[in-house]
Amino acid sequence: MKLFYHPDQERHAPPSFLLRGRAVASPEGPVRAEMLREGLAGLGLSPISPGDADSPRLRERLARIHTPRYLAFLETIHARWSSLPDAAEMVAPNVHPCGGGHHYPRHPVGQVGWHMHDMACPMTADSFAGILASAASAEAAAEAVLGGDGSAYALCRPPGHHAGPDRAGGFCFLNNSGLAAEVLRERHARVAILDVDLHHGNGTQDIFYARGDVWTGSLHADPADFYPFFWGGADEIGEGEGRGANHNVPLPLGSDGAAFMAALEALVEAMSAFQPEALVVPLGLDAHRDDPLAGLALETDDFVALGRRLAAIELPTVLVQEGGYPTESLGRNLAAFMQGYIDTHEVSSRR
């Protein structure tokens, strides 16, 4: 399996974010990637850099899933923000159009509130370069699968599945998993996205909600009690051409590995009816019981089982790193998943 990680991702390194009204150290920083790479190294695996982190092709593909004004916002907002009197070093919202705004603002403060739906997406001067490098890693993994590899992994940070067509949220700016699906759609008529992160992939759902060519499914902690709160219910099934092509399986807080795997079976069954030709897995490791954002209670061994089950689907697959935050278990959890996935994939490929 080829693995991809662009080192420019380190350029996005916000020192803090707002949690329950307090500024706290951000768990979404370069140390995440270091821990994940250490876990891979224990298996003898080493990601390679995809090369160019900002190509016209990448920009064109991103424009299929994000609005032009949002992409322009991400690229220019820090410079415009910094020109304001008494502006903080980091871009962060202080106003939101709750209930829906009637017009798109011209002022940078208004645009920040429009495009950032929470306080978990601060940006520094170098953030946009790091955000693009994360997307480029997902693009490279998808291109490897298009080129004939059975599967590929993208180590992406910042993550992406909370980023919608016109907004950032939950540490996410560009939807890396949605981008991977768009790349796969260049060859495959039907692509599935099967999200196993702790949190609902609300941005991914939003991008594809009215499309029938990309099936989206997510199992996650129940949003009635957990972030992202406002999306992820079982009654959200898609609309228009996408009606029936969105499937959510919310889990009670504290659910263990057995409950998680049972929910995964239900999700895989729903996906199979769609008959996808290729698969994207937004891979979260934050369902582990020790994660700092914990809402579920998986053990490290559960990620071995998760890897085995996803590999057994036997579709061309792009694995895109989503959540999973710094703990002593983080690297081990990725290694456990990869061991289960690779072992099962190799057995399947020899049949």
Protein backbone atom coordinates (compact mmCIF):
# COMPACT_ATOMS: atom_id res chain seq x y z
CA MET A 1 0.00 0.00 0.00
CA LYS A 2 1.23 3.50 -0.84
CA LEU A 3 0.99 6.11 1.89
CA PHE A 4 1.13 9.88 1.36
CA TYR A 5 1.97 12.82 3.59
CA HIS A 6 3.04 16.26 2.43
CA PRO A 7 5.39 17.87 4.99
CA ASP A 8 3.97 21.35 4.33
CA GLN A 9 1.03 20.29 6.48
CA GLU A 10 3.21 21.35 9.42
CA ARG A 11 2.71 24.96 8.37
CA HIS A 12 -0.82 24.86 9.80
CA ALA A 13 -0.13 24.97 13.53
CA PRO A 14 -2.63 27.08 15.47
CA PRO A 15 -1.54 27.09 19.13
CA SER A 16 -5.02 27.24 20.64
CA PHE A 17 -8.77 27.13 20.04
CA LEU A 18 -11.87 27.93 22.09
CA LEU A 19 -13.42 25.02 24.00
CA ARG A 20 -16.41 25.60 26.28
CA GLY A 21 -15.55 29.28 26.39
CA ARG A 22 -11.89 28.78 27.28
CA ALA A 23 -8.81 29.15 25.10
CA VAL A 24 -6.99 25.81 25.32
CA ALA A 25 -4.05 24.22 23.53
CA SER A 26 -5.15 22.84 20.18
CA PRO A 27 -4.94 19.05 19.84
CA GLU A 28 -4.90 19.46 16.05
CA GLY A 29 -1.27 20.30 15.38
CA PRO A 30 1.89 18.86 13.79
CA VAL A 31 2.42 16.53 16.74
CA ARG A 32 -0.59 14.52 15.51
CA ALA A 33 1.21 13.71 12.29
CA GLU A 34 4.39 12.83 14.18
CA MET A 35 2.54 10.32 16.34
CA LEU A 36 0.73 8.81 13.36
CA ARG A 37 3.97 8.46 11.40
CA GLU A 38 5.58 6.78 14.41
CA GLY A 39 2.76 4.27 14.44
CA LEU A 40 3.27 3.53 10.76
CA ALA A 41 7.03 3.26 11.21
CA GLY A 42 6.49 0.48 13.74
CA LEU A 43 5.05 -1.55 10.85
CA GLY A 44 7.87 -0.59 8.52
CA LEU A 45 5.60 1.84 6.65
CA SER A 46 6.69 5.31 5.62
CA PRO A 47 4.56 7.92 3.79
CA ILE A 48 5.94 9.62 0.72
CA SER A 49 5.40 13.24 -0.25
CA PRO A 50 2.99 13.77 -3.16
CA GLY A 51 5.14 16.58 -4.59
CA ASP A 52 3.33 19.76 -5.58
CA ALA A 53 0.98 20.95 -2.85
CA ASP A 54 -0.68 23.59 -5.02
CA SER A 55 -1.36 22.64 -8.61
CA PRO A 56 -3.99 23.90 -11.07
CA ARG A 57 -5.43 20.38 -11.16
CA LEU A 58 -5.88 20.35 -7.40
CA ARG A 59 -7.53 23.77 -7.50
CA GLU A 60 -9.93 22.62 -10.23
CA ARG A 61 -10.89 19.52 -8.27
CA LEU A 62 -11.45 21.49 -5.08
CA ALA A 63 -13.78 23.79 -7.00
CA ARG A 64 -16.06 20.81 -7.61
CA ILE A 65 -16.80 20.48 -3.88
CA HIS A 66 -16.30 24.01 -2.53
CA THR A 67 -17.70 27.37 -3.63
CA PRO A 68 -15.40 29.87 -5.38
CA ARG A 69 -15.93 32.48 -2.66
CA TYR A 70 -15.02 30.00 0.07
CA LEU A 71 -11.78 28.98 -1.64
CA ALA A 72 -10.91 32.65 -2.15
CA PHE A 73 -11.73 33.31 1.51
CA LEU A 74 -9.35 30.61 2.76
CA GLU A 75 -6.53 31.91 0.58
CA THR A 76 -6.87 35.61 1.40
CA ILE A 77 -8.49 35.98 4.81
CA HIS A 78 -5.39 36.07 6.99
CA ALA A 79 -3.86 38.98 5.07
CA ARG A 80 -7.14 40.89 5.09
CA TRP A 81 -7.74 40.09 8.76
CA SER A 82 -4.26 41.24 9.71
CA SER A 83 -4.87 44.63 8.12
CA LEU A 84 -7.73 45.35 10.56
CA PRO A 85 -6.95 47.55 13.56
CA ASP A 86 -6.16 45.60 16.74
CA ALA A 87 -6.69 42.25 15.02
CA ALA A 88 -5.47 39.12 16.80
CA GLU A 89 -2.69 37.06 15.24
CA MET A 90 -5.10 34.21 14.52
CA VAL A 91 -8.25 34.49 12.44
CA ALA A 92 -11.25 33.53 14.56
CA PRO A 93 -14.97 34.41 14.35
CA ASN A 94 -16.84 36.60 16.80
CA VAL A 95 -20.20 36.73 15.00
CA HIS A 96 -22.28 34.11 13.17
CA PRO A 97 -25.40 34.32 10.95
CA CYS A 98 -27.41 32.02 13.22
CA GLY A 99 -30.71 31.19 11.58
CA GLY A 100 -29.31 32.07 8.17
CA GLY A 101 -27.98 35.36 6.86
CA HIS A 102 -29.73 37.39 4.17
CA HIS A 103 -26.60 38.58 2.36
CA TYR A 104 -22.92 37.76 2.07
CA PRO A 105 -20.81 40.37 3.88
CA ARG A 106 -17.92 42.31 2.37
CA HIS A 107 -16.14 42.95 5.69
CA PRO A 108 -13.53 40.33 6.79
CA VAL A 109 -15.09 39.92 10.25
CA GLY A 110 -18.46 39.13 8.68
CA GLN A 111 -16.90 36.69 6.21
CA VAL A 112 -15.06 34.88 9.00
CA GLY A 113 -18.36 34.40 10.83
CA TRP A 114 -20.06 33.27 7.63
CA HIS A 115 -17.46 30.67 6.67
CA MET A 116 -16.39 29.35 10.11
CA HIS A 117 -19.30 27.74 11.89
CA ASP A 118 -17.44 27.22 15.19
CA MET A 119 -14.35 28.33 17.12
CA ALA A 120 -12.22 25.30 16.24
CA CYS A 121 -10.77 26.62 12.97
CA PRO A 122 -8.36 29.45 13.77
CA MET A 123 -5.93 30.32 10.98
CA THR A 124 -2.40 31.71 11.14
CA ALA A 125 -0.33 33.27 8.37
CA ASP A 126 0.89 29.88 7.07
CA SER A 127 -2.36 27.96 7.54
CA PHE A 128 -3.54 28.01 3.94
CA ALA A 129 -0.32 26.37 2.71
CA GLY A 130 -0.74 23.60 5.27
CA ILE A 131 -4.41 23.16 4.41
CA LEU A 132 -3.59 22.77 0.71
CA ALA A 133 -0.84 20.26 1.54
CA SER A 134 -3.38 18.16 3.42
CA ALA A 135 -5.70 18.16 0.41
CA ALA A 136 -2.81 17.34 -1.93
CA SER A 137 -2.06 14.24 0.15
CA ALA A 138 -5.62 12.99 -0.26
CA GLU A 139 -5.50 13.76 -3.97
CA ALA A 140 -2.28 11.75 -4.36
CA ALA A 141 -3.76 8.71 -2.61
CA ALA A 142 -6.84 8.84 -4.83
CA GLU A 143 -4.68 9.12 -7.94
CA ALA A 144 -2.70 6.07 -6.82
CA VAL A 145 -5.92 4.07 -6.64
CA LEU A 146 -6.99 5.39 -10.05
CA GLY A 147 -3.61 4.24 -11.31
CA GLY A 148 -4.31 0.65 -10.30
CA ASP A 149 -3.38 0.35 -6.62
CA GLY A 150 -5.98 -1.58 -4.67
CA SER A 151 -5.78 0.88 -1.80
CA ALA A 152 -3.82 3.91 -0.61
CA TYR A 153 -3.64 5.97 2.58
CA ALA A 154 -3.41 9.73 3.02
CA LEU A 155 -2.15 11.12 6.32
CA CYS A 156 -4.09 14.38 6.33
CA ARG A 157 -4.02 17.13 8.91
CA PRO A 158 -5.87 19.34 9.24
CA PRO A 159 -8.69 16.84 8.73
CA GLY A 160 -11.59 17.55 6.39
CA HIS A 161 -14.94 15.87 6.94
CA HIS A 162 -16.58 18.81 8.78
CA ALA A 163 -15.78 21.18 5.89
CA GLY A 164 -18.80 21.82 3.70
CA PRO A 165 -19.13 23.57 0.35
CA ASP A 166 -18.99 27.02 1.94
CA ARG A 167 -17.71 26.57 5.48
CA ALA A 168 -15.03 25.35 7.86
CA GLY A 169 -15.65 23.67 11.19
CA GLY A 170 -14.27 21.15 13.66
CA PHE A 171 -10.59 21.72 12.71
CA CYS A 172 -11.54 21.12 9.03
CA PHE A 173 -11.10 23.53 6.09
CA LEU A 174 -11.02 21.53 2.84
CA ASN A 175 -12.94 18.28 2.57
CA ASN A 176 -10.15 15.79 1.86
CA SER A 177 -12.45 12.77 1.71
CA GLY A 178 -14.86 14.56 -0.62
CA LEU A 179 -11.90 15.50 -2.80
CA ALA A 180 -10.77 11.85 -2.94
CA ALA A 181 -14.29 10.84 -3.98
CA GLU A 182 -14.27 13.42 -6.77
CA VAL A 183 -10.98 12.05 -8.07
CA LEU A 184 -12.37 8.51 -8.05
CA ARG A 185 -15.48 9.73 -9.87
CA GLU A 186 -13.28 10.59 -12.84
CA ARG A 187 -13.28 6.88 -13.61
CA HIS A 188 -16.01 5.28 -11.48
CA ALA A 189 -19.72 5.95 -11.96
CA ARG A 190 -20.61 5.26 -8.32
CA VAL A 191 -18.39 6.01 -5.34
CA ALA A 192 -19.15 5.46 -1.66
CA ILE A 193 -17.83 7.35 1.35
CA LEU A 194 -17.98 5.31 4.55
CA ASP A 195 -17.06 7.53 7.51
CA VAL A 196 -15.90 5.77 10.69
CA ASP A 197 -14.77 8.86 12.63
CA LEU A 198 -16.14 9.55 16.12
CA HIS A 199 -17.95 12.62 14.80
CA HIS A 200 -20.53 12.84 12.04
CA GLY A 201 -19.04 13.96 8.71
CA ASN A 202 -21.49 16.83 8.29
CA GLY A 203 -19.44 18.64 5.68
CA THR A 204 -19.20 15.55 3.51
CA GLN A 205 -22.93 14.96 3.85
CA ASP A 206 -23.62 18.56 2.85
CA ILE A 207 -21.45 18.35 -0.28
CA PHE A 208 -23.13 15.23 -1.64
CA TYR A 209 -26.61 15.43 -0.08
CA ALA A 210 -28.43 16.10 -3.36
CA ARG A 211 -26.21 13.88 -5.54
CA GLY A 212 -26.94 10.31 -6.51
CA ASP A 213 -23.47 9.39 -7.77
CA VAL A 214 -21.72 9.49 -4.38
CA TRP A 215 -23.22 7.55 -1.47
CA THR A 216 -22.36 8.94 1.97
CA GLY A 217 -22.60 6.98 5.19
CA SER A 218 -21.42 7.75 8.71
CA LEU A 219 -21.42 6.02 12.09
CA HIS A 220 -20.71 8.35 14.98
CA ALA A 221 -21.60 9.45 18.50
CA ASP A 222 -25.20 10.65 18.64
CA PRO A 223 -25.28 14.35 17.70
CA ALA A 224 -28.13 14.92 20.14
CA ASP A 225 -25.37 14.83 22.78
CA PHE A 226 -22.16 15.40 20.83
CA TYR A 227 -20.43 17.53 18.20
CA PRO A 228 -21.41 18.52 15.50
CA PHE A 229 -24.83 18.59 17.25
CA PHE A 230 -26.95 19.87 14.35
CA TRP A 231 -26.38 17.14 11.74
CA GLY A 232 -26.07 13.36 11.69
CA GLY A 233 -29.50 11.99 12.50
CA ALA A 234 -30.85 8.75 11.07
CA ASP A 235 -33.64 10.72 9.38
CA GLU A 236 -31.17 12.56 7.10
CA ILE A 237 -31.37 10.44 3.95
CA GLY A 238 -30.51 12.86 1.15
CA GLU A 239 -32.68 14.91 -1.15
CA GLY A 240 -33.45 15.19 -4.85
CA GLU A 241 -31.21 12.87 -6.85
CA GLY A 242 -29.43 12.01 -3.62
CA ARG A 243 -32.50 10.80 -1.77
CA GLY A 244 -31.62 7.43 -0.26
CA ALA A 245 -27.89 7.94 -0.87
CA ASN A 246 -27.12 9.25 2.63
CA HIS A 247 -27.16 6.97 5.66
CA ASN A 248 -26.37 7.84 9.27
CA VAL A 249 -25.99 5.47 12.22
CA PRO A 250 -25.79 7.45 15.48
CA LEU A 251 -24.42 5.58 18.52
CA PRO A 252 -25.12 6.30 22.19
CA LEU A 253 -22.28 8.03 24.02
CA GLY A 254 -19.83 5.54 25.49
CA SER A 255 -20.62 2.74 23.03
CA ASP A 256 -17.93 0.06 22.94
CA GLY A 257 -16.25 -1.84 20.13
CA ALA A 258 -18.97 -4.46 19.85
CA ALA A 259 -21.66 -1.82 19.35
CA PHE A 260 -19.42 0.02 16.91
CA MET A 261 -18.80 -3.06 14.77
CA ALA A 262 -22.51 -3.94 14.77
CA ALA A 263 -23.28 -0.42 13.53
CA LEU A 264 -20.58 -0.81 10.88
CA GLU A 265 -22.29 -3.96 9.58
CA ALA A 266 -25.55 -2.05 9.20
CA LEU A 267 -23.72 0.73 7.37
CA VAL A 268 -21.92 -1.66 5.03
CA GLU A 269 -25.20 -3.40 4.24
CA ALA A 270 -26.81 -0.08 3.32
CA MET A 271 -23.80 0.85 1.21
CA SER A 272 -23.83 -2.48 -0.63
CA ALA A 273 -27.31 -1.76 -1.99
CA PHE A 274 -25.81 1.26 -3.76
CA GLN A 275 -23.33 -1.05 -5.57
CA PRO A 276 -20.34 1.30 -5.46
CA GLU A 277 -17.36 0.78 -7.74
CA ALA A 278 -14.86 2.47 -5.40
CA LEU A 279 -14.70 3.51 -1.77
CA VAL A 280 -13.36 6.36 0.37
CA VAL A 281 -12.97 5.77 4.10
CA PRO A 282 -12.68 8.89 6.28
CA LEU A 283 -10.62 7.18 8.98
CA GLY A 284 -11.04 8.58 12.48
CA LEU A 285 -9.17 7.12 15.42
CA ASP A 286 -10.92 9.38 17.93
CA ALA A 287 -13.47 6.71 18.83
CA HIS A 288 -10.78 5.30 21.17
CA ARG A 289 -11.69 5.56 24.85
CA ASP A 290 -8.58 7.67 25.70
CA ASP A 291 -8.99 10.27 22.96
CA PRO A 292 -9.13 13.83 24.38
CA LEU A 293 -12.41 14.33 22.51
CA ALA A 294 -13.71 10.90 23.51
CA GLY A 295 -17.37 10.06 23.00
CA LEU A 296 -17.08 6.33 22.35
CA ALA A 297 -15.06 3.63 24.08
CA LEU A 298 -13.13 1.57 21.51
CA GLU A 299 -9.95 -0.27 22.50
CA THR A 300 -6.85 -0.53 20.32
CA ASP A 301 -7.75 -4.12 19.35
CA ASP A 302 -11.05 -2.85 17.95
CA PHE A 303 -9.13 -0.99 15.27
CA VAL A 304 -7.61 -4.29 14.10
CA ALA A 305 -11.15 -5.60 13.60
CA LEU A 306 -12.15 -2.36 11.87
CA GLY A 307 -9.25 -2.64 9.44
CA ARG A 308 -10.08 -6.26 8.66
CA ARG A 309 -13.74 -5.50 8.01
CA LEU A 310 -13.09 -2.57 5.71
CA ALA A 311 -10.47 -4.47 3.73
CA ALA A 312 -12.94 -7.33 3.30
CA ILE A 313 -15.22 -5.02 1.29
CA GLU A 314 -12.77 -5.58 -1.59
CA LEU A 315 -13.24 -2.31 -3.45
CA PRO A 316 -10.58 0.11 -4.70
CA THR A 317 -10.21 2.15 -1.53
CA VAL A 318 -8.74 5.48 -0.44
CA LEU A 319 -8.15 5.76 3.30
CA VAL A 320 -8.13 9.40 4.41
CA GLN A 321 -7.02 10.31 7.91
CA GLU A 322 -9.61 12.34 9.79
CA GLY A 323 -9.72 12.57 13.60
CA GLY A 324 -7.63 11.00 16.34
CA TYR A 325 -5.82 13.30 18.73
CA PRO A 326 -2.64 13.10 20.80
CA THR A 327 -2.55 10.31 23.37
CA GLU A 328 -0.08 7.51 24.05
CA SER A 329 -2.45 5.24 22.10
CA LEU A 330 -2.76 7.28 18.90
CA GLY A 331 0.12 5.76 16.92
CA ARG A 332 -0.72 2.28 18.18
CA ASN A 333 -4.33 2.70 17.07
CA LEU A 334 -3.29 3.56 13.52
CA ALA A 335 -0.80 0.69 13.49
CA ALA A 336 -3.50 -1.70 14.69
CA PHE A 337 -5.89 -0.56 11.97
CA MET A 338 -3.23 -0.83 9.27
CA GLN A 339 -2.14 -4.27 10.42
CA GLY A 340 -5.69 -5.57 10.21
CA TYR A 341 -6.33 -3.85 6.90
CA ILE A 342 -3.10 -4.88 5.16
CA ASP A 343 -3.19 -8.49 6.34
CA THR A 344 -6.76 -8.92 5.10
CA HIS A 345 -6.12 -7.07 1.86
CA GLU A 346 -3.12 -9.26 1.06
CA VAL A 347 -5.13 -12.44 1.67
CA SER A 348 -7.92 -11.14 -0.58
CA SER A 349 -5.53 -10.19 -3.36
CA ARG A 350 -4.05 -13.71 -3.50
CA ARG A 351 -7.41 -15.35 -4.15
